[in-house]
PDB file of all heavy atoms in Angstrom:
ATOM      1  N   THR A   1     -12.100  16.663   4.401  1.00  0.00           N
ATOM      2  CA  THR A   1     -11.634  15.695   3.387  1.00  0.00           C
ATOM      3  C   THR A   1     -10.953  14.521   4.071  1.00  0.00           C
ATOM      4  O   THR A   1      -9.971  14.581   4.787  1.00  0.00           O
ATOM      5  CB  THR A   1     -10.544  16.363   2.477  1.00  0.00           C
ATOM      6  OG1 THR A   1     -11.127  17.499   1.888  1.00  0.00           O
ATOM      7  CG2 THR A   1     -10.182  15.323   1.284  1.00  0.00           C
ATOM      8  N   GLY A   2     -11.539  13.302   3.977  1.00  0.00           N
ATOM      9  CA  GLY A   2     -11.137  12.098   4.509  1.00  0.00           C
ATOM     10  C   GLY A   2     -11.182  10.922   3.621  1.00  0.00           C
ATOM     11  O   GLY A   2     -12.018  10.915   2.720  1.00  0.00           O
ATOM     12  N   TYR A   3     -10.448   9.799   4.042  1.00  0.00           N
ATOM     13  CA  TYR A   3     -10.420   8.530   3.330  1.00  0.00           C
ATOM     14  C   TYR A   3     -10.456   7.459   4.294  1.00  0.00           C
ATOM     15  O   TYR A   3      -9.835   7.455   5.281  1.00  0.00           O
ATOM     16  CB  TYR A   3      -9.183   8.479   2.511  1.00  0.00           C
ATOM     17  CG  TYR A   3      -9.000   9.603   1.413  1.00  0.00           C
ATOM     18  CD1 TYR A   3      -8.464  10.828   1.833  1.00  0.00           C
ATOM     19  CD2 TYR A   3      -9.376   9.422   0.082  1.00  0.00           C
ATOM     20  CE1 TYR A   3      -8.332  11.949   0.958  1.00  0.00           C
ATOM     21  CE2 TYR A   3      -9.228  10.573  -0.732  1.00  0.00           C
ATOM     22  CZ  TYR A   3      -8.698  11.794  -0.346  1.00  0.00           C
ATOM     23  OH  TYR A   3      -8.473  12.735  -1.218  1.00  0.00           O
ATOM     24  N   VAL A   4     -11.269   6.425   3.984  1.00  0.00           N
ATOM     25  CA  VAL A   4     -11.508   5.238   4.881  1.00  0.00           C
ATOM     26  C   VAL A   4     -11.377   4.012   4.018  1.00  0.00           C
ATOM     27  O   VAL A   4     -12.015   3.944   2.863  1.00  0.00           O
ATOM     28  CB  VAL A   4     -12.788   5.292   5.531  1.00  0.00           C
ATOM     29  CG1 VAL A   4     -12.874   4.156   6.646  1.00  0.00           C
ATOM     30  CG2 VAL A   4     -13.057   6.575   6.194  1.00  0.00           C
ATOM     31  N   CYS A   5     -10.569   3.112   4.345  1.00  0.00           N
ATOM     32  CA  CYS A   5     -10.359   1.777   3.583  1.00  0.00           C
ATOM     33  C   CYS A   5     -10.660   0.620   4.453  1.00  0.00           C
ATOM     34  O   CYS A   5     -10.687   0.702   5.676  1.00  0.00           O
ATOM     35  CB  CYS A   5      -8.869   1.698   3.164  1.00  0.00           C
ATOM     36  SG  CYS A   5      -7.663   1.335   4.418  1.00  0.00           S
ATOM     37  N   GLY A   6     -11.022  -0.500   3.703  1.00  0.00           N
ATOM     38  CA  GLY A   6     -11.369  -1.713   4.510  1.00  0.00           C
ATOM     39  C   GLY A   6     -11.523  -2.960   3.743  1.00  0.00           C
ATOM     40  O   GLY A   6     -11.002  -3.019   2.544  1.00  0.00           O
ATOM     41  N   PHE A   7     -12.140  -3.935   4.277  1.00  0.00           N
ATOM     42  CA  PHE A   7     -12.211  -5.220   3.455  1.00  0.00           C
ATOM     43  C   PHE A   7     -13.210  -5.010   2.406  1.00  0.00           C
ATOM     44  O   PHE A   7     -13.785  -4.005   2.195  1.00  0.00           O
ATOM     45  CB  PHE A   7     -12.673  -6.252   4.461  1.00  0.00           C
ATOM     46  CG  PHE A   7     -11.766  -6.762   5.555  1.00  0.00           C
ATOM     47  CD1 PHE A   7     -12.109  -7.485   6.567  1.00  0.00           C
ATOM     48  CD2 PHE A   7     -10.369  -6.167   5.437  1.00  0.00           C
ATOM     49  CE1 PHE A   7     -11.156  -7.987   7.507  1.00  0.00           C
ATOM     50  CE2 PHE A   7      -9.553  -6.667   6.386  1.00  0.00           C
ATOM     51  CZ  PHE A   7      -9.805  -7.480   7.471  1.00  0.00           C
ATOM     52  N   GLY A   8     -13.140  -6.104   1.455  1.00  0.00           N
ATOM     53  CA  GLY A   8     -14.015  -5.998   0.247  1.00  0.00           C
ATOM     54  C   GLY A   8     -13.558  -4.945  -0.690  1.00  0.00           C
ATOM     55  O   GLY A   8     -14.291  -4.490  -1.628  1.00  0.00           O
ATOM     56  N   ALA A   9     -12.304  -4.575  -0.710  1.00  0.00           N
ATOM     57  CA  ALA A   9     -11.683  -3.645  -1.646  1.00  0.00           C
ATOM     58  C   ALA A   9     -12.417  -2.279  -1.578  1.00  0.00           C
ATOM     59  O   ALA A   9     -12.543  -1.558  -2.489  1.00  0.00           O
ATOM     60  CB  ALA A   9     -11.765  -4.174  -3.130  1.00  0.00           C
ATOM     61  N   VAL A  10     -12.850  -1.924  -0.314  1.00  0.00           N
ATOM     62  CA  VAL A  10     -13.533  -0.706  -0.087  1.00  0.00           C
ATOM     63  C   VAL A  10     -12.560   0.472   0.264  1.00  0.00           C
ATOM     64  O   VAL A  10     -11.698   0.421   1.128  1.00  0.00           O
ATOM     65  CB  VAL A  10     -14.557  -0.846   1.081  1.00  0.00           C
ATOM     66  CG1 VAL A  10     -15.032   0.532   1.499  1.00  0.00           C
ATOM     67  CG2 VAL A  10     -15.708  -1.670   0.722  1.00  0.00           C
ATOM     68  N   ILE A  11     -12.721   1.528  -0.479  1.00  0.00           N
ATOM     69  CA  ILE A  11     -12.083   2.759  -0.219  1.00  0.00           C
ATOM     70  C   ILE A  11     -13.065   3.938  -0.537  1.00  0.00           C
ATOM     71  O   ILE A  11     -13.457   4.004  -1.710  1.00  0.00           O
ATOM     72  CB  ILE A  11     -10.689   3.021  -0.974  1.00  0.00           C
ATOM     73  CG1 ILE A  11     -10.207   4.374  -0.854  1.00  0.00           C
ATOM     74  CG2 ILE A  11     -10.839   2.614  -2.417  1.00  0.00           C
ATOM     75  CD1 ILE A  11      -9.684   4.599   0.550  1.00  0.00           C
ATOM     76  N   ILE A  12     -13.394   4.649   0.453  1.00  0.00           N
ATOM     77  CA  ILE A  12     -14.385   5.677   0.258  1.00  0.00           C
ATOM     78  C   ILE A  12     -13.776   7.056   0.698  1.00  0.00           C
ATOM     79  O   ILE A  12     -12.869   7.107   1.503  1.00  0.00           O
ATOM     80  CB  ILE A  12     -15.716   5.418   1.159  1.00  0.00           C
ATOM     81  CG1 ILE A  12     -15.382   5.155   2.523  1.00  0.00           C
ATOM     82  CG2 ILE A  12     -16.492   4.259   0.412  1.00  0.00           C
ATOM     83  CD1 ILE A  12     -16.562   4.948   3.388  1.00  0.00           C
ATOM     84  N   GLN A  13     -14.320   8.154   0.126  1.00  0.00           N
ATOM     85  CA  GLN A  13     -13.824   9.487   0.371  1.00  0.00           C
ATOM     86  C   GLN A  13     -14.925  10.423   0.574  1.00  0.00           C
ATOM     87  O   GLN A  13     -16.035  10.318  -0.022  1.00  0.00           O
ATOM     88  CB  GLN A  13     -13.007   9.928  -0.888  1.00  0.00           C
ATOM     89  CG  GLN A  13     -12.255  11.241  -0.789  1.00  0.00           C
ATOM     90  CD  GLN A  13     -13.074  12.388  -1.337  1.00  0.00           C
ATOM     91  OE1 GLN A  13     -14.033  12.256  -1.969  1.00  0.00           O
ATOM     92  NE2 GLN A  13     -12.719  13.534  -0.925  1.00  0.00           N
ATOM     93  N   THR A  14     -14.693  11.388   1.542  1.00  0.00           N
ATOM     94  CA  THR A  14     -15.638  12.460   1.717  1.00  0.00           C
ATOM     95  C   THR A  14     -14.962  13.735   1.594  1.00  0.00           C
ATOM     96  O   THR A  14     -13.674  13.992   1.910  1.00  0.00           O
ATOM     97  CB  THR A  14     -16.211  12.350   3.154  1.00  0.00           C
ATOM     98  OG1 THR A  14     -17.284  13.390   3.378  1.00  0.00           O
ATOM     99  CG2 THR A  14     -15.239  12.379   4.276  1.00  0.00           C
ATOM    100  N   SER A  15     -15.743  14.790   1.112  1.00  0.00           N
ATOM    101  CA  SER A  15     -15.152  16.075   1.016  1.00  0.00           C
ATOM    102  C   SER A  15     -16.047  17.151   1.873  1.00  0.00           C
ATOM    103  O   SER A  15     -15.881  18.341   1.694  1.00  0.00           O
ATOM    104  CB  SER A  15     -15.059  16.578  -0.384  1.00  0.00           C
ATOM    105  OG  SER A  15     -16.338  16.457  -1.052  1.00  0.00           O
ATOM    106  N   ASP A  16     -16.970  16.476   2.747  1.00  0.00           N
ATOM    107  CA  ASP A  16     -17.918  17.332   3.466  1.00  0.00           C
ATOM    108  C   ASP A  16     -17.946  16.814   4.904  1.00  0.00           C
ATOM    109  O   ASP A  16     -19.005  17.012   5.536  1.00  0.00           O
ATOM    110  CB  ASP A  16     -19.293  17.511   2.799  1.00  0.00           C
ATOM    111  CG  ASP A  16     -19.895  16.178   2.590  1.00  0.00           C
ATOM    112  OD1 ASP A  16     -19.406  15.121   3.077  1.00  0.00           O
ATOM    113  OD2 ASP A  16     -20.812  16.060   1.795  1.00  0.00           O
ATOM    114  N   GLY A  17     -16.784  16.385   5.403  1.00  0.00           N
ATOM    115  CA  GLY A  17     -16.822  15.905   6.824  1.00  0.00           C
ATOM    116  C   GLY A  17     -17.531  14.553   7.116  1.00  0.00           C
ATOM    117  O   GLY A  17     -17.865  14.354   8.267  1.00  0.00           O
ATOM    118  N   GLY A  18     -17.968  13.854   6.097  1.00  0.00           N
ATOM    119  CA  GLY A  18     -18.626  12.656   6.322  1.00  0.00           C
ATOM    120  C   GLY A  18     -20.100  12.594   6.042  1.00  0.00           C
ATOM    121  O   GLY A  18     -20.780  11.544   6.203  1.00  0.00           O
ATOM    122  N   ASP A  19     -20.708  13.799   5.602  1.00  0.00           N
ATOM    123  CA  ASP A  19     -22.079  13.832   5.282  1.00  0.00           C
ATOM    124  C   ASP A  19     -22.496  12.919   4.021  1.00  0.00           C
ATOM    125  O   ASP A  19     -23.422  12.270   4.033  1.00  0.00           O
ATOM    126  CB  ASP A  19     -22.467  15.321   5.144  1.00  0.00           C
ATOM    127  CG  ASP A  19     -22.600  16.118   6.422  1.00  0.00           C
ATOM    128  OD1 ASP A  19     -22.713  15.438   7.483  1.00  0.00           O
ATOM    129  OD2 ASP A  19     -22.479  17.318   6.265  1.00  0.00           O
ATOM    130  N   THR A  20     -21.549  13.023   3.074  1.00  0.00           N
ATOM    131  CA  THR A  20     -21.663  12.190   1.847  1.00  0.00           C
ATOM    132  C   THR A  20     -20.300  11.567   1.566  1.00  0.00           C
ATOM    133  O   THR A  20     -19.224  12.072   1.964  1.00  0.00           O
ATOM    134  CB  THR A  20     -22.160  12.982   0.741  1.00  0.00           C
ATOM    135  OG1 THR A  20     -21.201  14.065   0.404  1.00  0.00           O
ATOM    136  CG2 THR A  20     -23.502  13.677   0.928  1.00  0.00           C
ATOM    137  N   TRP A  21     -20.350  10.380   0.842  1.00  0.00           N
ATOM    138  CA  TRP A  21     -19.237   9.628   0.513  1.00  0.00           C
ATOM    139  C   TRP A  21     -19.148   9.221  -0.963  1.00  0.00           C
ATOM    140  O   TRP A  21     -20.139   9.052  -1.545  1.00  0.00           O
ATOM    141  CB  TRP A  21     -19.152   8.354   1.390  1.00  0.00           C
ATOM    142  CG  TRP A  21     -19.087   8.616   2.876  1.00  0.00           C
ATOM    143  CD1 TRP A  21     -20.100   8.805   3.719  1.00  0.00           C
ATOM    144  CD2 TRP A  21     -17.869   8.744   3.610  1.00  0.00           C
ATOM    145  NE1 TRP A  21     -19.684   9.001   4.987  1.00  0.00           N
ATOM    146  CE2 TRP A  21     -18.203   9.021   4.998  1.00  0.00           C
ATOM    147  CE3 TRP A  21     -16.537   8.736   3.320  1.00  0.00           C
ATOM    148  CZ2 TRP A  21     -17.325   9.183   6.055  1.00  0.00           C
ATOM    149  CZ3 TRP A  21     -15.524   8.859   4.353  1.00  0.00           C
ATOM    150  CH2 TRP A  21     -16.010   9.041   5.684  1.00  0.00           C
ATOM    151  N   THR A  22     -17.868   9.216  -1.498  1.00  0.00           N
ATOM    152  CA  THR A  22     -17.702   8.788  -2.847  1.00  0.00           C
ATOM    153  C   THR A  22     -16.852   7.531  -2.836  1.00  0.00           C
ATOM    154  O   THR A  22     -15.936   7.359  -2.172  1.00  0.00           O
ATOM    155  CB  THR A  22     -16.915   9.776  -3.615  1.00  0.00           C
ATOM    156  OG1 THR A  22     -17.648  11.072  -3.713  1.00  0.00           O
ATOM    157  CG2 THR A  22     -16.586   9.319  -5.003  1.00  0.00           C
ATOM    158  N   GLU A  23     -17.428   6.539  -3.508  1.00  0.00           N
ATOM    159  CA  GLU A  23     -16.621   5.286  -3.709  1.00  0.00           C
ATOM    160  C   GLU A  23     -15.529   5.475  -4.691  1.00  0.00           C
ATOM    161  O   GLU A  23     -15.774   5.778  -5.841  1.00  0.00           O
ATOM    162  CB  GLU A  23     -17.645   4.134  -4.170  1.00  0.00           C
ATOM    163  CG  GLU A  23     -18.776   3.780  -3.169  1.00  0.00           C
ATOM    164  CD  GLU A  23     -19.691   2.860  -3.915  1.00  0.00           C
ATOM    165  OE1 GLU A  23     -19.366   1.926  -4.380  1.00  0.00           O
ATOM    166  OE2 GLU A  23     -20.903   3.187  -3.784  1.00  0.00           O
ATOM    167  N   MET A  24     -14.280   5.220  -4.244  1.00  0.00           N
ATOM    168  CA  MET A  24     -13.139   5.371  -5.095  1.00  0.00           C
ATOM    169  C   MET A  24     -12.749   4.016  -5.747  1.00  0.00           C
ATOM    170  O   MET A  24     -13.190   2.968  -5.333  1.00  0.00           O
ATOM    171  CB  MET A  24     -11.914   5.844  -4.335  1.00  0.00           C
ATOM    172  CG  MET A  24     -12.256   7.245  -3.605  1.00  0.00           C
ATOM    173  SD  MET A  24     -10.745   7.822  -2.786  1.00  0.00           S
ATOM    174  CE  MET A  24      -9.874   8.604  -4.159  1.00  0.00           C
ATOM    175  N   THR A  25     -12.094   4.115  -7.009  1.00  0.00           N
ATOM    176  CA  THR A  25     -11.711   2.973  -7.730  1.00  0.00           C
ATOM    177  C   THR A  25     -10.316   2.653  -7.534  1.00  0.00           C
ATOM    178  O   THR A  25      -9.466   3.414  -7.309  1.00  0.00           O
ATOM    179  CB  THR A  25     -12.015   3.215  -9.279  1.00  0.00           C
ATOM    180  OG1 THR A  25     -11.177   4.246  -9.657  1.00  0.00           O
ATOM    181  CG2 THR A  25     -13.429   3.640  -9.473  1.00  0.00           C
ATOM    182  N   THR A  26     -10.009   1.218  -7.641  1.00  0.00           N
ATOM    183  CA  THR A  26      -8.674   0.740  -7.609  1.00  0.00           C
ATOM    184  C   THR A  26      -8.477  -0.310  -8.596  1.00  0.00           C
ATOM    185  O   THR A  26      -9.287  -0.832  -9.142  1.00  0.00           O
ATOM    186  CB  THR A  26      -8.490   0.093  -6.121  1.00  0.00           C
ATOM    187  OG1 THR A  26      -9.088  -1.142  -6.080  1.00  0.00           O
ATOM    188  CG2 THR A  26      -8.926   1.067  -5.066  1.00  0.00           C
ATOM    189  N   ASP A  27      -7.166  -0.709  -8.649  1.00  0.00           N
ATOM    190  CA  ASP A  27      -6.876  -1.805  -9.683  1.00  0.00           C
ATOM    191  C   ASP A  27      -6.750  -3.147  -8.830  1.00  0.00           C
ATOM    192  O   ASP A  27      -6.149  -4.074  -9.399  1.00  0.00           O
ATOM    193  CB  ASP A  27      -5.635  -1.466 -10.471  1.00  0.00           C
ATOM    194  CG  ASP A  27      -4.326  -1.312  -9.526  1.00  0.00           C
ATOM    195  OD1 ASP A  27      -4.486  -1.485  -8.396  1.00  0.00           O
ATOM    196  OD2 ASP A  27      -3.235  -1.227 -10.141  1.00  0.00           O
ATOM    197  N   GLN A  28      -7.156  -3.191  -7.630  1.00  0.00           N
ATOM    198  CA  GLN A  28      -7.066  -4.297  -6.734  1.00  0.00           C
ATOM    199  C   GLN A  28      -8.401  -4.736  -6.202  1.00  0.00           C
ATOM    200  O   GLN A  28      -9.246  -3.867  -5.942  1.00  0.00           O
ATOM    201  CB  GLN A  28      -6.144  -4.046  -5.565  1.00  0.00           C
ATOM    202  CG  GLN A  28      -4.749  -3.914  -5.850  1.00  0.00           C
ATOM    203  CD  GLN A  28      -3.991  -5.198  -5.754  1.00  0.00           C
ATOM    204  OE1 GLN A  28      -4.507  -6.243  -5.367  1.00  0.00           O
ATOM    205  NE2 GLN A  28      -2.683  -5.129  -6.115  1.00  0.00           N
ATOM    206  N   GLN A  29      -8.647  -6.023  -6.143  1.00  0.00           N
ATOM    207  CA  GLN A  29      -9.886  -6.543  -5.461  1.00  0.00           C
ATOM    208  C   GLN A  29      -9.404  -7.349  -4.316  1.00  0.00           C
ATOM    209  O   GLN A  29      -9.523  -8.555  -4.155  1.00  0.00           O
ATOM    210  CB  GLN A  29     -10.728  -7.348  -6.360  1.00  0.00           C
ATOM    211  CG  GLN A  29     -11.341  -6.614  -7.546  1.00  0.00           C
ATOM    212  CD  GLN A  29     -12.340  -5.597  -7.010  1.00  0.00           C
ATOM    213  OE1 GLN A  29     -13.070  -5.893  -6.195  1.00  0.00           O
ATOM    214  NE2 GLN A  29     -12.170  -4.349  -7.525  1.00  0.00           N
ATOM    215  N   ASP A  30      -8.865  -6.639  -3.291  1.00  0.00           N
ATOM    216  CA  ASP A  30      -8.267  -7.259  -2.153  1.00  0.00           C
ATOM    217  C   ASP A  30      -8.858  -6.672  -0.794  1.00  0.00           C
ATOM    218  O   ASP A  30      -9.696  -5.842  -0.953  1.00  0.00           O
ATOM    219  CB  ASP A  30      -6.781  -7.036  -2.167  1.00  0.00           C
ATOM    220  CG  ASP A  30      -5.962  -8.077  -1.334  1.00  0.00           C
ATOM    221  OD1 ASP A  30      -6.508  -8.849  -0.664  1.00  0.00           O
ATOM    222  OD2 ASP A  30      -4.668  -8.023  -1.462  1.00  0.00           O
ATOM    223  N   LEU A  31      -8.363  -7.183   0.163  1.00  0.00           N
ATOM    224  CA  LEU A  31      -8.702  -6.594   1.546  1.00  0.00           C
ATOM    225  C   LEU A  31      -7.725  -5.476   1.822  1.00  0.00           C
ATOM    226  O   LEU A  31      -6.488  -5.649   1.872  1.00  0.00           O
ATOM    227  CB  LEU A  31      -8.646  -7.648   2.699  1.00  0.00           C
ATOM    228  CG  LEU A  31      -9.453  -8.979   2.432  1.00  0.00           C
ATOM    229  CD1 LEU A  31      -9.249  -9.807   3.606  1.00  0.00           C
ATOM    230  CD2 LEU A  31     -10.816  -8.721   2.117  1.00  0.00           C
ATOM    231  N   PHE A  32      -8.239  -4.240   2.093  1.00  0.00           N
ATOM    232  CA  PHE A  32      -7.327  -3.098   2.298  1.00  0.00           C
ATOM    233  C   PHE A  32      -7.144  -2.984   3.767  1.00  0.00           C
ATOM    234  O   PHE A  32      -8.082  -2.973   4.595  1.00  0.00           O
ATOM    235  CB  PHE A  32      -7.821  -1.871   1.749  1.00  0.00           C
ATOM    236  CG  PHE A  32      -8.149  -1.926   0.212  1.00  0.00           C
ATOM    237  CD1 PHE A  32      -9.029  -1.185  -0.458  1.00  0.00           C
ATOM    238  CD2 PHE A  32      -7.110  -2.600  -0.608  1.00  0.00           C
ATOM    239  CE1 PHE A  32      -9.155  -1.211  -1.847  1.00  0.00           C
ATOM    240  CE2 PHE A  32      -7.308  -2.668  -1.971  1.00  0.00           C
ATOM    241  CZ  PHE A  32      -8.377  -1.976  -2.592  1.00  0.00           C
ATOM    242  N   ARG A  33      -5.905  -2.781   4.178  1.00  0.00           N
ATOM    243  CA  ARG A  33      -5.488  -2.833   5.641  1.00  0.00           C
ATOM    244  C   ARG A  33      -5.200  -1.612   6.287  1.00  0.00           C
ATOM    245  O   ARG A  33      -5.548  -1.255   7.460  1.00  0.00           O
ATOM    246  CB  ARG A  33      -4.345  -3.807   5.834  1.00  0.00           C
ATOM    247  CG  ARG A  33      -4.555  -5.230   5.343  1.00  0.00           C
ATOM    248  CD  ARG A  33      -5.661  -6.006   6.016  1.00  0.00           C
ATOM    249  NE  ARG A  33      -5.580  -6.066   7.474  1.00  0.00           N
ATOM    250  CZ  ARG A  33      -5.779  -7.051   8.203  1.00  0.00           C
ATOM    251  NH1 ARG A  33      -6.090  -8.255   7.719  1.00  0.00           N
ATOM    252  NH2 ARG A  33      -5.729  -6.968   9.520  1.00  0.00           N
ATOM    253  N   ALA A  34      -4.406  -0.726   5.525  1.00  0.00           N
ATOM    254  CA  ALA A  34      -3.955   0.563   6.189  1.00  0.00           C
ATOM    255  C   ALA A  34      -3.772   1.537   5.169  1.00  0.00           C
ATOM    256  O   ALA A  34      -3.563   1.331   3.984  1.00  0.00           O
ATOM    257  CB  ALA A  34      -2.553   0.325   6.937  1.00  0.00           C
ATOM    258  N   ILE A  35      -3.807   2.857   5.760  1.00  0.00           N
ATOM    259  CA  ILE A  35      -3.748   4.065   4.831  1.00  0.00           C
ATOM    260  C   ILE A  35      -3.040   5.077   5.448  1.00  0.00           C
ATOM    261  O   ILE A  35      -3.115   5.339   6.666  1.00  0.00           O
ATOM    262  CB  ILE A  35      -5.229   4.475   4.408  1.00  0.00           C
ATOM    263  CG1 ILE A  35      -5.180   5.498   3.155  1.00  0.00           C
ATOM    264  CG2 ILE A  35      -6.027   4.950   5.557  1.00  0.00           C
ATOM    265  CD1 ILE A  35      -6.531   5.763   2.666  1.00  0.00           C
ATOM    266  N   ASP A  36      -2.253   5.924   4.574  1.00  0.00           N
ATOM    267  CA  ASP A  36      -1.550   7.076   5.104  1.00  0.00           C
ATOM    268  C   ASP A  36      -1.236   8.009   4.075  1.00  0.00           C
ATOM    269  O   ASP A  36      -1.339   7.549   2.791  1.00  0.00           O
ATOM    270  CB  ASP A  36      -0.236   6.665   5.880  1.00  0.00           C
ATOM    271  CG  ASP A  36       0.256   7.784   6.996  1.00  0.00           C
ATOM    272  OD1 ASP A  36      -0.448   8.838   6.981  1.00  0.00           O
ATOM    273  OD2 ASP A  36       1.190   7.502   7.689  1.00  0.00           O
ATOM    274  N   PHE A  37      -0.939   9.290   4.284  1.00  0.00           N
ATOM    275  CA  PHE A  37      -0.688  10.350   3.303  1.00  0.00           C
ATOM    276  C   PHE A  37       0.492  11.183   3.588  1.00  0.00           C
ATOM    277  O   PHE A  37       0.904  11.413   4.694  1.00  0.00           O
ATOM    278  CB  PHE A  37      -1.937  11.267   3.168  1.00  0.00           C
ATOM    279  CG  PHE A  37      -3.173  10.735   2.437  1.00  0.00           C
ATOM    280  CD1 PHE A  37      -3.967   9.830   2.985  1.00  0.00           C
ATOM    281  CD2 PHE A  37      -3.414  11.145   1.182  1.00  0.00           C
ATOM    282  CE1 PHE A  37      -5.045   9.334   2.396  1.00  0.00           C
ATOM    283  CE2 PHE A  37      -4.579  10.665   0.516  1.00  0.00           C
ATOM    284  CZ  PHE A  37      -5.274   9.716   1.002  1.00  0.00           C
ATOM    285  N   ASN A  38       1.176  11.675   2.462  1.00  0.00           N
ATOM    286  CA  ASN A  38       2.066  12.725   2.630  1.00  0.00           C
ATOM    287  C   ASN A  38       1.364  13.980   1.987  1.00  0.00           C
ATOM    288  O   ASN A  38       0.091  13.987   1.772  1.00  0.00           O
ATOM    289  CB  ASN A  38       3.427  12.405   2.124  1.00  0.00           C
ATOM    290  CG  ASN A  38       3.498  12.181   0.558  1.00  0.00           C
ATOM    291  OD1 ASN A  38       2.438  12.429  -0.218  1.00  0.00           O
ATOM    292  ND2 ASN A  38       4.463  11.526   0.004  1.00  0.00           N
ATOM    293  N   SER A  39       2.116  14.936   1.544  1.00  0.00           N
ATOM    294  CA  SER A  39       1.457  16.170   1.072  1.00  0.00           C
ATOM    295  C   SER A  39       0.999  16.026  -0.363  1.00  0.00           C
ATOM    296  O   SER A  39       0.056  16.886  -0.783  1.00  0.00           O
ATOM    297  CB  SER A  39       2.419  17.413   1.151  1.00  0.00           C
ATOM    298  OG  SER A  39       3.467  17.084   0.247  1.00  0.00           O
TER     299      SER A  39
END
C-alpha cells in the first residue's frame, strides 16, 4: 500500500506494490509537493 503525489494535482495509490494504481480525488487543483502519514 503506497501513495505518490506530484504536479498536476496528481495523487495515485496502489494496494499491490505498484502493479496497478488508482487515481485519487482531491478538492485542490494545485501542485502537490510533499506527503506523510500517521496511523
